[in-house]
Protein backbone atom coordinates (compact mmCIF):
# COMPACT_ATOMS: atom_id res chain seq x y z
CA UNK A 1 67.02 63.99 -246.39
CA UNK A 2 69.06 66.23 -243.91
CA UNK A 3 72.50 67.39 -244.85
CA UNK A 4 75.80 65.16 -243.85
CA UNK A 5 77.78 66.80 -241.08
CA UNK A 6 81.26 65.72 -240.27
CA UNK A 7 81.34 64.10 -237.26
CA UNK A 8 83.99 65.90 -234.98
CA UNK A 9 85.48 63.97 -231.79
CA UNK A 10 83.79 65.46 -228.63
CA UNK A 11 87.02 64.35 -226.64
CA UNK A 12 90.58 65.43 -227.08
CA UNK A 13 93.05 62.39 -227.04
CA UNK A 14 94.90 62.50 -223.44
CA UNK A 15 98.35 61.61 -223.06
CA UNK A 16 101.07 61.09 -220.51
CA UNK A 17 104.41 62.39 -221.11
CA UNK A 18 106.76 59.68 -219.59
CA UNK A 19 110.76 60.97 -219.07
CA UNK A 20 113.85 59.43 -218.17
CA UNK A 21 116.11 61.28 -215.46
CA UNK A 22 119.44 60.19 -215.68
CA UNK A 23 121.38 62.04 -213.96
CA UNK A 24 120.61 65.15 -211.81
CA UNK A 25 119.48 67.83 -214.10
CA UNK A 26 115.57 67.60 -215.33
CA UNK A 27 115.07 66.32 -219.11
CA UNK A 28 114.08 70.07 -220.04
CA UNK A 29 114.79 69.14 -223.32
CA UNK A 30 113.06 65.82 -223.68
CA UNK A 31 109.84 67.41 -221.98
CA UNK A 32 109.85 70.32 -224.57
CA UNK A 33 110.16 68.08 -227.51
CA UNK A 34 107.28 65.96 -226.04
CA UNK A 35 104.99 68.74 -225.32
CA UNK A 36 105.50 70.36 -228.80
CA UNK A 37 104.75 67.17 -230.07
CA UNK A 38 101.64 66.43 -227.97
CA UNK A 39 100.64 70.31 -229.37
CA UNK A 40 101.16 69.38 -232.86
CA UNK A 41 98.30 66.82 -232.60
CA UNK A 42 96.09 69.04 -230.29
CA UNK A 43 96.74 66.24 -227.66
CA UNK A 44 95.88 67.10 -224.24
CA UNK A 45 98.44 65.93 -221.38
CA UNK A 46 96.95 64.35 -218.72
CA UNK A 47 100.05 63.68 -216.59
CA UNK A 48 103.83 64.31 -216.72
CA UNK A 49 106.02 61.44 -215.13
CA UNK A 50 110.11 61.67 -214.59
CA UNK A 51 111.51 58.67 -213.77
CA UNK A 52 114.96 58.56 -211.78
CA UNK A 53 114.79 55.00 -211.48
CA UNK A 54 115.13 53.97 -215.43
CA UNK A 55 118.73 52.75 -215.54
CA UNK A 56 118.42 50.26 -212.97
CA UNK A 57 115.30 48.43 -213.56
CA UNK A 58 113.39 46.89 -216.49
CA UNK A 59 110.29 48.23 -217.56
CA UNK A 60 107.86 46.10 -215.33
CA UNK A 61 109.71 46.99 -212.38
CA UNK A 62 109.25 50.65 -211.99
CA UNK A 63 106.77 52.52 -210.15
CA UNK A 64 106.67 55.68 -212.19
CA UNK A 65 106.26 54.03 -215.64
CA UNK A 66 103.54 51.44 -213.62
CA UNK A 67 101.86 55.33 -212.75
CA UNK A 68 101.91 56.15 -216.33
CA UNK A 69 100.46 52.76 -217.48
CA UNK A 70 97.67 53.24 -214.98
CA UNK A 71 96.49 56.39 -216.53
CA UNK A 72 95.93 53.93 -219.58
CA UNK A 73 94.45 51.12 -217.81
CA UNK A 74 91.80 53.67 -215.89
CA UNK A 75 91.31 55.42 -219.33
CA UNK A 76 92.46 58.84 -218.01
CA UNK A 77 94.68 58.92 -221.04
CA UNK A 78 95.19 56.86 -224.24
CA UNK A 79 98.99 57.37 -224.97
CA UNK A 80 102.28 57.18 -223.33
CA UNK A 81 104.38 59.84 -225.33
CA UNK A 82 108.08 59.47 -224.61
CA UNK A 83 111.18 61.15 -226.31
CA UNK A 84 112.77 57.71 -227.76
CA UNK A 85 112.26 53.76 -227.23
CA UNK A 86 115.21 53.90 -224.89
CA UNK A 87 113.01 55.74 -222.07
CA UNK A 88 111.23 52.85 -221.89
CA UNK A 89 114.03 50.15 -222.74
CA UNK A 90 117.16 49.87 -224.88
CA UNK A 91 116.45 46.14 -225.28
CA UNK A 92 113.89 45.56 -227.74
CA UNK A 93 112.12 43.02 -226.39
CA UNK A 94 111.67 44.95 -223.41
CA UNK A 95 110.39 47.46 -224.99
CA UNK A 96 107.87 45.35 -227.61
CA UNK A 97 106.24 43.58 -224.41
CA UNK A 98 105.72 46.93 -222.65
CA UNK A 99 104.38 48.10 -225.62
CA UNK A 100 102.10 45.14 -225.87
CA UNK A 101 100.81 45.31 -222.73
CA UNK A 102 99.85 49.08 -223.45
CA UNK A 103 98.06 48.23 -226.58
CA UNK A 104 96.21 45.37 -224.88
CA UNK A 105 94.72 47.95 -222.53
CA UNK A 106 93.87 50.40 -225.34
CA UNK A 107 96.67 52.64 -225.63
CA UNK A 108 99.40 52.94 -227.20
CA UNK A 109 102.94 54.55 -227.06
CA UNK A 110 104.47 57.15 -229.07
CA UNK A 111 107.62 58.25 -229.79
CA UNK A 112 108.14 62.14 -229.90
CA UNK A 113 109.95 62.91 -233.06
CA UNK A 114 111.60 66.21 -233.65
CA UNK A 115 110.31 67.97 -236.54
């Protein structure tokens, strides 16, 4: 019988970093947190989206969030990485509804926690 060799993934998980721009400054700290988190898990970053309409529209009505979601549905990424749940929505029900849509598309939302 041949020796058993461990199965190694042939493809790194690709993630979309989704950031909220709530004022005129670029969200550098949030980007750094998300990049560090992705690198800690050896995840590739397929796209970085900076959305400046976070505070005026719910998650279902933001074109930039929909662009991040399309990366999941098009199988270009397997997850959306955010610095906090509030980046998607400060309303728990809205966050959960969007997270469910992502999961139905075979992806997930990951909150980057500081180490």
